[in-house]
PDB file of N, CA and C in Angstrom:
ATOM      1  N   UNK A   1      81.501 -67.698 -35.008  1.00  0.00           N
ATOM      2  CA  UNK A   1      80.778 -66.558 -35.551  1.00  0.00           C
ATOM      3  C   UNK A   1      79.476 -67.073 -36.159  1.00  0.00           C
ATOM      4  N   UNK A   2      78.384 -66.429 -35.814  1.00  0.00           N
ATOM      5  CA  UNK A   2      77.104 -66.861 -36.361  1.00  0.00           C
ATOM      6  C   UNK A   2      76.419 -65.708 -37.082  1.00  0.00           C
ATOM      7  N   UNK A   3      75.456 -66.083 -37.892  1.00  0.00           N
ATOM      8  CA  UNK A   3      74.637 -65.117 -38.627  1.00  0.00           C
ATOM      9  C   UNK A   3      73.226 -65.254 -38.073  1.00  0.00           C
ATOM     10  N   UNK A   4      72.565 -64.146 -37.895  1.00  0.00           N
ATOM     11  CA  UNK A   4      71.232 -64.125 -37.332  1.00  0.00           C
ATOM     12  C   UNK A   4      70.402 -63.145 -38.157  1.00  0.00           C
ATOM     13  N   UNK A   5      69.587 -63.678 -39.062  1.00  0.00           N
ATOM     14  CA  UNK A   5      68.794 -62.819 -39.941  1.00  0.00           C
ATOM     15  C   UNK A   5      67.720 -62.091 -39.138  1.00  0.00           C
ATOM     16  N   UNK A   6      67.590 -60.791 -39.353  1.00  0.00           N
ATOM     17  CA  UNK A   6      66.557 -60.063 -38.609  1.00  0.00           C
ATOM     18  C   UNK A   6      65.664 -59.208 -39.506  1.00  0.00           C
ATOM     19  N   UNK A   7      66.056 -58.989 -40.748  1.00  0.00           N
ATOM     20  CA  UNK A   7      65.259 -58.110 -41.606  1.00  0.00           C
ATOM     21  C   UNK A   7      65.427 -58.539 -43.059  1.00  0.00           C
ATOM     22  N   UNK A   8      64.327 -58.504 -43.803  1.00  0.00           N
ATOM     23  CA  UNK A   8      64.380 -58.820 -45.232  1.00  0.00           C
ATOM     24  C   UNK A   8      63.475 -57.856 -45.988  1.00  0.00           C
ATOM     25  N   UNK A   9      63.972 -57.373 -47.098  1.00  0.00           N
ATOM     26  CA  UNK A   9      63.206 -56.469 -47.955  1.00  0.00           C
ATOM     27  C   UNK A   9      63.327 -56.998 -49.381  1.00  0.00           C
ATOM     28  N   UNK A  10      62.211 -57.071 -50.080  1.00  0.00           N
ATOM     29  CA  UNK A  10      62.202 -57.606 -51.436  1.00  0.00           C
ATOM     30  C   UNK A  10      62.087 -56.483 -52.450  1.00  0.00           C
ATOM     31  N   UNK A  11      62.803 -56.653 -53.557  1.00  0.00           N
ATOM     32  CA  UNK A  11      62.825 -55.648 -54.621  1.00  0.00           C
ATOM     33  C   UNK A  11      62.748 -56.375 -55.955  1.00  0.00           C
ATOM     34  N   UNK A  12      61.970 -55.825 -56.874  1.00  0.00           N
ATOM     35  CA  UNK A  12      61.978 -56.359 -58.240  1.00  0.00           C
ATOM     36  C   UNK A  12      62.274 -55.212 -59.197  1.00  0.00           C
ATOM     37  N   UNK A  13      62.975 -55.546 -60.245  1.00  0.00           N
ATOM     38  CA  UNK A  13      63.337 -54.563 -61.263  1.00  0.00           C
ATOM     39  C   UNK A  13      62.794 -55.058 -62.594  1.00  0.00           C
ATOM     40  N   UNK A  14      61.927 -54.282 -63.188  1.00  0.00           N
ATOM     41  CA  UNK A  14      61.371 -54.597 -64.491  1.00  0.00           C
ATOM     42  C   UNK A  14      62.384 -54.145 -65.533  1.00  0.00           C
ATOM     43  N   UNK A  15      62.959 -55.090 -66.266  1.00  0.00           N
ATOM     44  CA  UNK A  15      63.996 -54.755 -67.238  1.00  0.00           C
ATOM     45  C   UNK A  15      63.429 -54.629 -68.649  1.00  0.00           C
ATOM     46  N   UNK A  16      62.681 -55.622 -69.069  1.00  0.00           N
ATOM     47  CA  UNK A  16      62.039 -55.603 -70.389  1.00  0.00           C
ATOM     48  C   UNK A  16      60.677 -56.273 -70.246  1.00  0.00           C
ATOM     49  N   UNK A  17      59.940 -56.335 -71.336  1.00  0.00           N
ATOM     50  CA  UNK A  17      58.628 -56.975 -71.299  1.00  0.00           C
ATOM     51  C   UNK A  17      58.722 -58.438 -70.859  1.00  0.00           C
ATOM     52  N   UNK A  18      59.860 -59.055 -71.089  1.00  0.00           N
ATOM     53  CA  UNK A  18      60.021 -60.474 -70.740  1.00  0.00           C
ATOM     54  C   UNK A  18      61.022 -60.726 -69.617  1.00  0.00           C
ATOM     55  N   UNK A  19      61.581 -59.669 -69.048  1.00  0.00           N
ATOM     56  CA  UNK A  19      62.629 -59.861 -68.041  1.00  0.00           C
ATOM     57  C   UNK A  19      62.410 -58.974 -66.824  1.00  0.00           C
ATOM     58  N   UNK A  20      62.336 -59.623 -65.678  1.00  0.00           N
ATOM     59  CA  UNK A  20      62.336 -58.914 -64.394  1.00  0.00           C
ATOM     60  C   UNK A  20      63.379 -59.575 -63.517  1.00  0.00           C
ATOM     61  N   UNK A  21      64.027 -58.786 -62.695  1.00  0.00           N
ATOM     62  CA  UNK A  21      65.020 -59.301 -61.760  1.00  0.00           C
ATOM     63  C   UNK A  21      64.448 -59.181 -60.362  1.00  0.00           C
ATOM     64  N   UNK A  22      64.741 -60.162 -59.535  1.00  0.00           N
ATOM     65  CA  UNK A  22      64.217 -60.205 -58.172  1.00  0.00           C
ATOM     66  C   UNK A  22      65.371 -60.288 -57.182  1.00  0.00           C
ATOM     67  N   UNK A  23      65.263 -59.510 -56.116  1.00  0.00           N
ATOM     68  CA  UNK A  23      66.314 -59.446 -55.107  1.00  0.00           C
ATOM     69  C   UNK A  23      65.689 -59.461 -53.716  1.00  0.00           C
ATOM     70  N   UNK A  24      66.451 -59.970 -52.765  1.00  0.00           N
ATOM     71  CA  UNK A  24      66.087 -59.829 -51.360  1.00  0.00           C
ATOM     72  C   UNK A  24      67.294 -59.217 -50.659  1.00  0.00           C
ATOM     73  N   UNK A  25      67.030 -58.177 -49.895  1.00  0.00           N
ATOM     74  CA  UNK A  25      68.073 -57.513 -49.107  1.00  0.00           C
ATOM     75  C   UNK A  25      67.903 -58.031 -47.682  1.00  0.00           C
ATOM     76  N   UNK A  26      68.905 -58.736 -47.204  1.00  0.00           N
ATOM     77  CA  UNK A  26      68.821 -59.355 -45.880  1.00  0.00           C
ATOM     78  C   UNK A  26      69.853 -58.721 -44.957  1.00  0.00           C
ATOM     79  N   UNK A  27      69.394 -58.375 -43.762  1.00  0.00           N
ATOM     80  CA  UNK A  27      70.253 -57.770 -42.744  1.00  0.00           C
ATOM     81  C   UNK A  27      70.288 -58.691 -41.534  1.00  0.00           C
ATOM     82  N   UNK A  28      71.465 -58.824 -40.932  1.00  0.00           N
ATOM     83  CA  UNK A  28      71.556 -59.652 -39.732  1.00  0.00           C
ATOM     84  C   UNK A  28      71.580 -58.768 -38.485  1.00  0.00           C
ATOM     85  N   UNK A  29      71.609 -59.416 -37.319  1.00  0.00           N
ATOM     86  CA  UNK A  29      71.513 -58.677 -36.053  1.00  0.00           C
ATOM     87  C   UNK A  29      72.641 -57.676 -35.858  1.00  0.00           C
ATOM     88  N   UNK A  30      73.780 -57.897 -36.507  1.00  0.00           N
ATOM     89  CA  UNK A  30      74.913 -56.977 -36.396  1.00  0.00           C
ATOM     90  C   UNK A  30      74.880 -55.888 -37.472  1.00  0.00           C
ATOM     91  N   UNK A  31      73.752 -55.798 -38.171  1.00  0.00           N
ATOM     92  CA  UNK A  31      73.525 -54.806 -39.231  1.00  0.00           C
ATOM     93  C   UNK A  31      74.425 -55.009 -40.446  1.00  0.00           C
ATOM     94  N   UNK A  32      74.851 -56.240 -40.646  1.00  0.00           N
ATOM     95  CA  UNK A  32      75.580 -56.585 -41.864  1.00  0.00           C
ATOM     96  C   UNK A  32      74.515 -56.940 -42.895  1.00  0.00           C
ATOM     97  N   UNK A  33      74.651 -56.374 -44.082  1.00  0.00           N
ATOM     98  CA  UNK A  33      73.600 -56.476 -45.093  1.00  0.00           C
ATOM     99  C   UNK A  33      74.148 -57.064 -46.384  1.00  0.00           C
ATOM    100  N   UNK A  34      73.315 -57.858 -47.052  1.00  0.00           N
ATOM    101  CA  UNK A  34      73.671 -58.392 -48.360  1.00  0.00           C
ATOM    102  C   UNK A  34      72.462 -58.330 -49.278  1.00  0.00           C
ATOM    103  N   UNK A  35      72.731 -58.308 -50.565  1.00  0.00           N
ATOM    104  CA  UNK A  35      71.686 -58.338 -51.584  1.00  0.00           C
ATOM    105  C   UNK A  35      71.853 -59.635 -52.359  1.00  0.00           C
ATOM    106  N   UNK A  36      70.781 -60.416 -52.425  1.00  0.00           N
ATOM    107  CA  UNK A  36      70.819 -61.704 -53.117  1.00  0.00           C
ATOM    108  C   UNK A  36      69.798 -61.687 -54.246  1.00  0.00           C
ATOM    109  N   UNK A  37      70.230 -62.112 -55.416  1.00  0.00           N
ATOM    110  CA  UNK A  37      69.334 -62.225 -56.572  1.00  0.00           C
ATOM    111  C   UNK A  37      68.754 -63.632 -56.582  1.00  0.00           C
ATOM    112  N   UNK A  38      67.472 -63.738 -56.917  1.00  0.00           N
ATOM    113  CA  UNK A  38      66.858 -65.058 -57.076  1.00  0.00           C
ATOM    114  C   UNK A  38      65.913 -65.002 -58.259  1.00  0.00           C
ATOM    115  N   UNK A  39      65.667 -66.152 -58.854  1.00  0.00           N
ATOM    116  CA  UNK A  39      64.763 -66.181 -59.992  1.00  0.00           C
ATOM    117  C   UNK A  39      64.184 -67.574 -60.173  1.00  0.00           C
ATOM    118  N   UNK A  40      63.007 -67.612 -60.715  1.00  0.00           N
ATOM    119  CA  UNK A  40      62.357 -68.869 -61.074  1.00  0.00           C
ATOM    120  C   UNK A  40      61.327 -68.564 -62.152  1.00  0.00           C
ATOM    121  N   UNK A  41      61.735 -67.686 -63.089  1.00  0.00           N
ATOM    122  CA  UNK A  41      60.838 -67.329 -64.182  1.00  0.00           C
ATOM    123  C   UNK A  41      59.542 -66.738 -63.669  1.00  0.00           C
ATOM    124  N   UNK A  42      58.434 -67.254 -64.183  1.00  0.00           N
ATOM    125  CA  UNK A  42      57.114 -66.749 -63.789  1.00  0.00           C
ATOM    126  C   UNK A  42      56.760 -67.086 -62.345  1.00  0.00           C
ATOM    127  N   UNK A  43      57.549 -67.929 -61.710  1.00  0.00           N
ATOM    128  CA  UNK A  43      57.269 -68.324 -60.330  1.00  0.00           C
ATOM    129  C   UNK A  43      58.158 -67.597 -59.320  1.00  0.00           C
ATOM    130  N   UNK A  44      58.829 -66.541 -59.751  1.00  0.00           N
ATOM    131  CA  UNK A  44      59.740 -65.813 -58.860  1.00  0.00           C
ATOM    132  C   UNK A  44      59.025 -65.211 -57.656  1.00  0.00           C
ATOM    133  N   UNK A  45      57.789 -64.773 -57.825  1.00  0.00           N
ATOM    134  CA  UNK A  45      57.050 -64.225 -56.681  1.00  0.00           C
ATOM    135  C   UNK A  45      56.738 -65.314 -55.658  1.00  0.00           C
ATOM    136  N   UNK A  46      56.539 -66.548 -56.140  1.00  0.00           N
ATOM    137  CA  UNK A  46      56.343 -67.671 -55.221  1.00  0.00           C
ATOM    138  C   UNK A  46      57.626 -67.945 -54.438  1.00  0.00           C
ATOM    139  N   UNK A  47      58.764 -67.788 -55.108  1.00  0.00           N
ATOM    140  CA  UNK A  47      60.048 -67.952 -54.419  1.00  0.00           C
ATOM    141  C   UNK A  47      60.173 -66.888 -53.332  1.00  0.00           C
ATOM    142  N   UNK A  48      59.816 -65.648 -53.656  1.00  0.00           N
ATOM    143  CA  UNK A  48      59.879 -64.565 -52.665  1.00  0.00           C
ATOM    144  C   UNK A  48      59.008 -64.891 -51.454  1.00  0.00           C
ATOM    145  N   UNK A  49      57.800 -65.376 -51.697  1.00  0.00           N
ATOM    146  CA  UNK A  49      56.905 -65.744 -50.591  1.00  0.00           C
ATOM    147  C   UNK A  49      57.508 -66.855 -49.744  1.00  0.00           C
ATOM    148  N   UNK A  50      58.140 -67.825 -50.409  1.00  0.00           N
ATOM    149  CA  UNK A  50      58.735 -68.930 -49.664  1.00  0.00           C
ATOM    150  C   UNK A  50      59.951 -68.464 -48.867  1.00  0.00           C
ATOM    151  N   UNK A  51      60.761 -67.565 -49.443  1.00  0.00           N
ATOM    152  CA  UNK A  51      61.899 -67.012 -48.695  1.00  0.00           C
ATOM    153  C   UNK A  51      61.387 -66.333 -47.432  1.00  0.00           C
ATOM    154  N   UNK A  52      60.353 -65.518 -47.586  1.00  0.00           N
ATOM    155  CA  UNK A  52      59.798 -64.797 -46.437  1.00  0.00           C
ATOM    156  C   UNK A  52      59.283 -65.769 -45.378  1.00  0.00           C
ATOM    157  N   UNK A  53      58.583 -66.812 -45.813  1.00  0.00           N
ATOM    158  CA  UNK A  53      58.062 -67.802 -44.866  1.00  0.00           C
ATOM    159  C   UNK A  53      59.200 -68.546 -44.174  1.00  0.00           C
ATOM    160  N   UNK A  54      60.222 -68.910 -44.928  1.00  0.00           N
ATOM    161  CA  UNK A  54      61.360 -69.633 -44.347  1.00  0.00           C
ATOM    162  C   UNK A  54      62.113 -68.768 -43.347  1.00  0.00           C
ATOM    163  N   UNK A  55      62.323 -67.507 -43.691  1.00  0.00           N
ATOM    164  CA  UNK A  55      62.999 -66.610 -42.750  1.00  0.00           C
ATOM    165  C   UNK A  55      62.170 -66.454 -41.481  1.00  0.00           C
ATOM    166  N   UNK A  56      60.844 -66.450 -41.628  1.00  0.00           N
ATOM    167  CA  UNK A  56      59.968 -66.402 -40.461  1.00  0.00           C
ATOM    168  C   UNK A  56      60.108 -67.640 -39.592  1.00  0.00           C
ATOM    169  N   UNK A  57      60.266 -68.811 -40.220  1.00  0.00           N
ATOM    170  CA  UNK A  57      60.437 -70.057 -39.463  1.00  0.00           C
ATOM    171  C   UNK A  57      61.789 -70.121 -38.770  1.00  0.00           C
ATOM    172  N   UNK A  58      62.816 -69.613 -39.451  1.00  0.00           N
ATOM    173  CA  UNK A  58      64.151 -69.605 -38.847  1.00  0.00           C
ATOM    174  C   UNK A  58      64.159 -68.664 -37.650  1.00  0.00           C
ATOM    175  N   UNK A  59      63.341 -67.611 -37.759  1.00  0.00           N
ATOM    176  CA  UNK A  59      63.281 -66.637 -36.676  1.00  0.00           C
ATOM    177  C   UNK A  59      64.609 -65.938 -36.506  1.00  0.00           C
ATOM    178  N   UNK A  60      64.966 -65.708 -35.295  1.00  0.00           N
ATOM    179  CA  UNK A  60      66.223 -65.016 -35.007  1.00  0.00           C
ATOM    180  C   UNK A  60      67.276 -66.006 -34.504  1.00  0.00           C
ATOM    181  N   UNK A  61      67.212 -67.217 -35.024  1.00  0.00           N
ATOM    182  CA  UNK A  61      68.166 -68.260 -34.618  1.00  0.00           C
ATOM    183  C   UNK A  61      69.579 -67.896 -35.055  1.00  0.00           C
ATOM    184  N   UNK A  62      70.540 -68.312 -34.257  1.00  0.00           N
ATOM    185  CA  UNK A  62      71.941 -68.158 -34.645  1.00  0.00           C
ATOM    186  C   UNK A  62      72.273 -69.277 -35.625  1.00  0.00           C
ATOM    187  N   UNK A  63      72.685 -68.895 -36.820  1.00  0.00           N
ATOM    188  CA  UNK A  63      73.008 -69.861 -37.866  1.00  0.00           C
ATOM    189  C   UNK A  63      74.524 -69.951 -37.951  1.00  0.00           C
ATOM    190  N   UNK A  64      75.044 -71.158 -37.790  1.00  0.00           N
ATOM    191  CA  UNK A  64      76.491 -71.347 -37.772  1.00  0.00           C
ATOM    192  C   UNK A  64      77.049 -71.936 -39.053  1.00  0.00           C
ATOM    193  N   UNK A  65      76.176 -72.466 -39.913  1.00  0.00           N
ATOM    194  CA  UNK A  65      76.648 -73.047 -41.170  1.00  0.00           C
ATOM    195  C   UNK A  65      75.499 -73.088 -42.164  1.00  0.00           C
ATOM    196  N   UNK A  66      75.844 -73.196 -43.439  1.00  0.00           N
ATOM    197  CA  UNK A  66      74.812 -73.335 -44.466  1.00  0.00           C
ATOM    198  C   UNK A  66      73.966 -74.571 -44.205  1.00  0.00           C
ATOM    199  N   UNK A  67      74.622 -75.643 -43.787  1.00  0.00           N
ATOM    200  CA  UNK A  67      73.933 -76.909 -43.551  1.00  0.00           C
ATOM    201  C   UNK A  67      72.850 -76.767 -42.484  1.00  0.00           C
ATOM    202  N   UNK A  68      73.093 -75.936 -41.486  1.00  0.00           N
ATOM    203  CA  UNK A  68      72.124 -75.798 -40.397  1.00  0.00           C
ATOM    204  C   UNK A  68      70.849 -75.084 -40.841  1.00  0.00           C
ATOM    205  N   UNK A  69      70.874 -74.411 -41.982  1.00  0.00           N
ATOM    206  CA  UNK A  69      69.666 -73.726 -42.470  1.00  0.00           C
ATOM    207  C   UNK A  69      68.560 -74.736 -42.722  1.00  0.00           C
ATOM    208  N   UNK A  70      68.865 -75.809 -43.445  1.00  0.00           N
ATOM    209  CA  UNK A  70      67.846 -76.820 -43.723  1.00  0.00           C
ATOM    210  C   UNK A  70      67.404 -77.512 -42.438  1.00  0.00           C
ATOM    211  N   UNK A  71      68.319 -77.706 -41.501  1.00  0.00           N
ATOM    212  CA  UNK A  71      67.955 -78.303 -40.212  1.00  0.00           C
ATOM    213  C   UNK A  71      66.974 -77.396 -39.469  1.00  0.00           C
ATOM    214  N   UNK A  72      67.259 -76.087 -39.443  1.00  0.00           N
ATOM    215  CA  UNK A  72      66.363 -75.142 -38.772  1.00  0.00           C
ATOM    216  C   UNK A  72      64.986 -75.107 -39.425  1.00  0.00           C
ATOM    217  N   UNK A  73      64.949 -75.363 -40.723  1.00  0.00           N
ATOM    218  CA  UNK A  73      63.682 -75.372 -41.453  1.00  0.00           C
ATOM    219  C   UNK A  73      62.960 -76.714 -41.333  1.00  0.00           C
ATOM    220  N   UNK A  74      63.625 -77.700 -40.727  1.00  0.00           N
ATOM    221  CA  UNK A  74      63.014 -79.023 -40.584  1.00  0.00           C
ATOM    222  C   UNK A  74      62.994 -79.822 -41.869  1.00  0.00           C
ATOM    223  N   UNK A  75      63.879 -79.487 -42.799  1.00  0.00           N
ATOM    224  CA  UNK A  75      63.937 -80.196 -44.081  1.00  0.00           C
ATOM    225  C   UNK A  75      64.966 -81.313 -43.960  1.00  0.00           C
ATOM    226  N   UNK A  76      64.471 -82.548 -44.018  1.00  0.00           N
ATOM    227  CA  UNK A  76      65.353 -83.702 -43.861  1.00  0.00           C
ATOM    228  C   UNK A  76      65.610 -84.424 -45.178  1.00  0.00           C
ATOM    229  N   UNK A  77      64.646 -84.388 -46.064  1.00  0.00           N
ATOM    230  CA  UNK A  77      64.763 -85.104 -47.335  1.00  0.00           C
ATOM    231  C   UNK A  77      65.408 -84.224 -48.395  1.00  0.00           C
ATOM    232  N   UNK A  78      66.028 -84.845 -49.408  1.00  0.00           N
ATOM    233  CA  UNK A  78      66.601 -84.062 -50.507  1.00  0.00           C
ATOM    234  C   UNK A  78      65.523 -83.204 -51.179  1.00  0.00           C
ATOM    235  N   UNK A  79      65.926 -82.042 -51.644  1.00  0.00           N
ATOM    236  CA  UNK A  79      65.012 -81.102 -52.292  1.00  0.00           C
ATOM    237  C   UNK A  79      65.286 -81.120 -53.790  1.00  0.00           C
ATOM    238  N   UNK A  80      64.229 -81.195 -54.590  1.00  0.00           N
ATOM    239  CA  UNK A  80      64.368 -81.156 -56.051  1.00  0.00           C
ATOM    240  C   UNK A  80      65.020 -79.832 -56.436  1.00  0.00           C
ATOM    241  N   UNK A  81      66.164 -79.903 -57.086  1.00  0.00           N
ATOM    242  CA  UNK A  81      66.933 -78.716 -57.445  1.00  0.00           C
ATOM    243  C   UNK A  81      66.222 -77.751 -58.371  1.00  0.00           C
ATOM    244  N   UNK A  82      65.137 -78.183 -58.988  1.00  0.00           N
ATOM    245  CA  UNK A  82      64.390 -77.310 -59.902  1.00  0.00           C
ATOM    246  C   UNK A  82      63.160 -76.693 -59.244  1.00  0.00           C
ATOM    247  N   UNK A  83      62.988 -76.939 -57.968  1.00  0.00           N
ATOM    248  CA  UNK A  83      61.763 -76.515 -57.284  1.00  0.00           C
ATOM    249  C   UNK A  83      61.846 -75.086 -56.741  1.00  0.00           C
ATOM    250  N   UNK A  84      60.686 -74.562 -56.412  1.00  0.00           N
ATOM    251  CA  UNK A  84      60.590 -73.251 -55.767  1.00  0.00           C
ATOM    252  C   UNK A  84      61.310 -73.296 -54.424  1.00  0.00           C
ATOM    253  N   UNK A  85      61.137 -74.397 -53.708  1.00  0.00           N
ATOM    254  CA  UNK A  85      61.792 -74.565 -52.405  1.00  0.00           C
ATOM    255  C   UNK A  85      63.307 -74.491 -52.553  1.00  0.00           C
ATOM    256  N   UNK A  86      63.852 -75.138 -53.579  1.00  0.00           N
ATOM    257  CA  UNK A  86      65.308 -75.115 -53.798  1.00  0.00           C
ATOM    258  C   UNK A  86      65.798 -73.700 -54.089  1.00  0.00           C
ATOM    259  N   UNK A  87      65.039 -72.948 -54.881  1.00  0.00           N
ATOM    260  CA  UNK A  87      65.432 -71.567 -55.195  1.00  0.00           C
ATOM    261  C   UNK A  87      65.428 -70.710 -53.930  1.00  0.00           C
ATOM    262  N   UNK A  88      64.439 -70.918 -53.070  1.00  0.00           N
ATOM    263  CA  UNK A  88      64.360 -70.150 -51.821  1.00  0.00           C
ATOM    264  C   UNK A  88      65.509 -70.509 -50.882  1.00  0.00           C
ATOM    265  N   UNK A  89      65.776 -71.795 -50.733  1.00  0.00           N
ATOM    266  CA  UNK A  89      66.887 -72.229 -49.871  1.00  0.00           C
ATOM    267  C   UNK A  89      68.204 -71.690 -50.402  1.00  0.00           C
ATOM    268  N   UNK A  90      68.382 -71.733 -51.705  1.00  0.00           N
ATOM    269  CA  UNK A  90      69.614 -71.232 -52.319  1.00  0.00           C
ATOM    270  C   UNK A  90      69.827 -69.754 -52.005  1.00  0.00           C
ATOM    271  N   UNK A  91      68.771 -68.968 -52.079  1.00  0.00           N
ATOM    272  CA  UNK A  91      68.885 -67.536 -51.774  1.00  0.00           C
ATOM    273  C   UNK A  91      69.278 -67.320 -50.314  1.00  0.00           C
ATOM    274  N   UNK A  92      68.672 -68.076 -49.417  1.00  0.00           N
ATOM    275  CA  UNK A  92      68.987 -67.932 -47.991  1.00  0.00           C
ATOM    276  C   UNK A  92      70.415 -68.383 -47.714  1.00  0.00           C
ATOM    277  N   UNK A  93      70.831 -69.471 -48.340  1.00  0.00           N
ATOM    278  CA  UNK A  93      72.210 -69.946 -48.162  1.00  0.00           C
ATOM    279  C   UNK A  93      73.209 -68.928 -48.710  1.00  0.00           C
ATOM    280  N   UNK A  94      72.879 -68.318 -49.846  1.00  0.00           N
ATOM    281  CA  UNK A  94      73.755 -67.287 -50.420  1.00  0.00           C
ATOM    282  C   UNK A  94      73.881 -66.100 -49.475  1.00  0.00           C
ATOM    283  N   UNK A  95      72.758 -65.702 -48.893  1.00  0.00           N
ATOM    284  CA  UNK A  95      72.784 -64.587 -47.937  1.00  0.00           C
ATOM    285  C   UNK A  95      73.658 -64.936 -46.738  1.00  0.00           C
ATOM    286  N   UNK A  96      73.502 -66.145 -46.220  1.00  0.00           N
ATOM    287  CA  UNK A  96      74.326 -66.575 -45.089  1.00  0.00           C
ATOM    288  C   UNK A  96      75.810 -66.491 -45.444  1.00  0.00           C
ATOM    289  N   UNK A  97      76.179 -67.076 -46.584  1.00  0.00           N
ATOM    290  CA  UNK A  97      77.597 -67.110 -46.978  1.00  0.00           C
ATOM    291  C   UNK A  97      78.170 -65.714 -47.143  1.00  0.00           C
ATOM    292  N   UNK A  98      77.416 -64.833 -47.794  1.00  0.00           N
ATOM    293  CA  UNK A  98      77.932 -63.493 -48.030  1.00  0.00           C
ATOM    294  C   UNK A  98      78.059 -62.716 -46.720  1.00  0.00           C
ATOM    295  N   UNK A  99      77.064 -62.811 -45.857  1.00  0.00           N
ATOM    296  CA  UNK A  99      77.143 -62.100 -44.577  1.00  0.00           C
ATOM    297  C   UNK A  99      78.294 -62.639 -43.739  1.00  0.00           C
ATOM    298  N   UNK A 100      78.468 -63.951 -43.712  1.00  0.00           N
ATOM    299  CA  UNK A 100      79.573 -64.504 -42.928  1.00  0.00           C
ATOM    300  C   UNK A 100      80.921 -64.064 -43.505  1.00  0.00           C
ATOM    301  N   UNK A 101      81.043 -64.030 -44.836  1.00  0.00           N
ATOM    302  CA  UNK A 101      82.287 -63.552 -45.459  1.00  0.00           C
ATOM    303  C   UNK A 101      82.550 -62.096 -45.080  1.00  0.00           C
ATOM    304  N   UNK A 102      81.511 -61.273 -45.124  1.00  0.00           N
ATOM    305  CA  UNK A 102      81.664 -59.866 -44.746  1.00  0.00           C
ATOM    306  C   UNK A 102      82.111 -59.734 -43.294  1.00  0.00           C
ATOM    307  N   UNK A 103      81.525 -60.530 -42.416  1.00  0.00           N
ATOM    308  CA  UNK A 103      81.903 -60.476 -41.001  1.00  0.00           C
ATOM    309  C   UNK A 103      83.350 -60.908 -40.785  1.00  0.00           C
ATOM    310  N   UNK A 104      83.805 -61.851 -41.600  1.00  0.00           N
ATOM    311  CA  UNK A 104      85.193 -62.319 -41.490  1.00  0.00           C
ATOM    312  C   UNK A 104      86.169 -61.408 -42.219  1.00  0.00           C
ATOM    313  N   UNK A 105      85.630 -60.463 -42.998  1.00  0.00           N
ATOM    314  CA  UNK A 105      86.479 -59.519 -43.715  1.00  0.00           C
ATOM    315  C   UNK A 105      87.198 -60.116 -44.910  1.00  0.00           C
ATOM    316  N   UNK A 106      86.580 -61.134 -45.523  1.00  0.00           N
ATOM    317  CA  UNK A 106      87.198 -61.750 -46.699  1.00  0.00           C
ATOM    318  C   UNK A 106      86.246 -61.645 -47.887  1.00  0.00           C
ATOM    319  N   UNK A 107      86.794 -61.588 -49.108  1.00  0.00           N
ATOM    320  CA  UNK A 107      85.931 -61.579 -50.286  1.00  0.00           C
ATOM    321  C   UNK A 107      85.138 -62.888 -50.372  1.00  0.00           C
ATOM    322  N   UNK A 108      83.958 -62.826 -50.940  1.00  0.00           N
ATOM    323  CA  UNK A 108      83.111 -64.010 -51.055  1.00  0.00           C
ATOM    324  C   UNK A 108      83.819 -65.134 -51.801  1.00  0.00           C
ATOM    325  N   UNK A 109      84.549 -64.797 -52.858  1.00  0.00           N
ATOM    326  CA  UNK A 109      85.245 -65.833 -53.631  1.00  0.00           C
ATOM    327  C   UNK A 109      86.229 -66.589 -52.740  1.00  0.00           C
ATOM    328  N   UNK A 110      86.917 -65.885 -51.869  1.00  0.00           N
ATOM    329  CA  UNK A 110      87.868 -66.526 -50.950  1.00  0.00           C
ATOM    330  C   UNK A 110      87.122 -67.365 -49.911  1.00  0.00           C
ATOM    331  N   UNK A 111      86.036 -66.836 -49.387  1.00  0.00           N
ATOM    332  CA  UNK A 111      85.224 -67.559 -48.410  1.00  0.00           C
ATOM    333  C   UNK A 111      84.747 -68.891 -48.987  1.00  0.00           C
ATOM    334  N   UNK A 112      84.393 -68.877 -50.270  1.00  0.00           N
ATOM    335  CA  UNK A 112      83.891 -70.083 -50.929  1.00  0.00           C
ATOM    336  C   UNK A 112      85.006 -71.023 -51.381  1.00  0.00           C
ATOM    337  N   UNK A 113      86.255 -70.641 -51.121  1.00  0.00           N
ATOM    338  CA  UNK A 113      87.373 -71.521 -51.435  1.00  0.00           C
ATOM    339  C   UNK A 113      88.049 -71.245 -52.758  1.00  0.00           C
ATOM    340  N   UNK A 114      87.639 -70.188 -53.430  1.00  0.00           N
ATOM    341  CA  UNK A 114      88.251 -69.843 -54.711  1.00  0.00           C
ATOM    342  C   UNK A 114      89.369 -68.840 -54.537  1.00  0.00           C
ATOM    343  N   UNK A 115      89.882 -68.405 -55.639  1.00  0.00           N
ATOM    344  CA  UNK A 115      90.912 -67.368 -55.603  1.00  0.00           C
ATOM    345  C   UNK A 115      90.739 -66.454 -56.799  1.00  0.00           C
ATOM    346  N   UNK A 116      91.200 -65.225 -56.631  1.00  0.00           N
ATOM    347  CA  UNK A 116      91.110 -64.239 -57.696  1.00  0.00           C
ATOM    348  C   UNK A 116      92.090 -64.589 -58.804  1.00  0.00           C
ATOM    349  N   UNK A 117      91.675 -64.356 -60.018  1.00  0.00           N
ATOM    350  CA  UNK A 117      92.574 -64.511 -61.163  1.00  0.00           C
ATOM    351  C   UNK A 117      92.973 -63.130 -61.630  1.00  0.00           C
ATOM    352  N   UNK A 118      94.252 -62.918 -61.738  1.00  0.00           N
ATOM    353  CA  UNK A 118      94.738 -61.630 -62.233  1.00  0.00           C
ATOM    354  C   UNK A 118      94.922 -61.733 -63.734  1.00  0.00           C
ATOM    355  N   UNK A 119      94.432 -60.753 -64.436  1.00  0.00           N
ATOM    356  CA  UNK A 119      94.518 -60.774 -65.909  1.00  0.00           C
ATOM    357  C   UNK A 119      95.661 -59.937 -66.374  1.00  0.00           C
TER     358      UNK A 119
END
């Protein structure tokens, strides 16, 4: 089963004078849709631009794993976890995982190897 991103829409929500939330709504070729939150403080718009550019580079490729995302982007070296690039990759990887979980019909927590805790 593969994921093939075909559409992305960006949304920001102004919460307070110091807080805005940023989201990307990503749809794959099978019309499975997910909403991913991303943030990088004052640089969140740069993250959005990088997500858009990265999705453009990936094109309509069939993505079979999170690991293949960086390969499709041509990223071979480790990425600084505090960078704009890392935030963008994280959002795309999150979208992949959630869409694949939805396609498999399992909750995201289960897809990621966790389990529900009953209270």
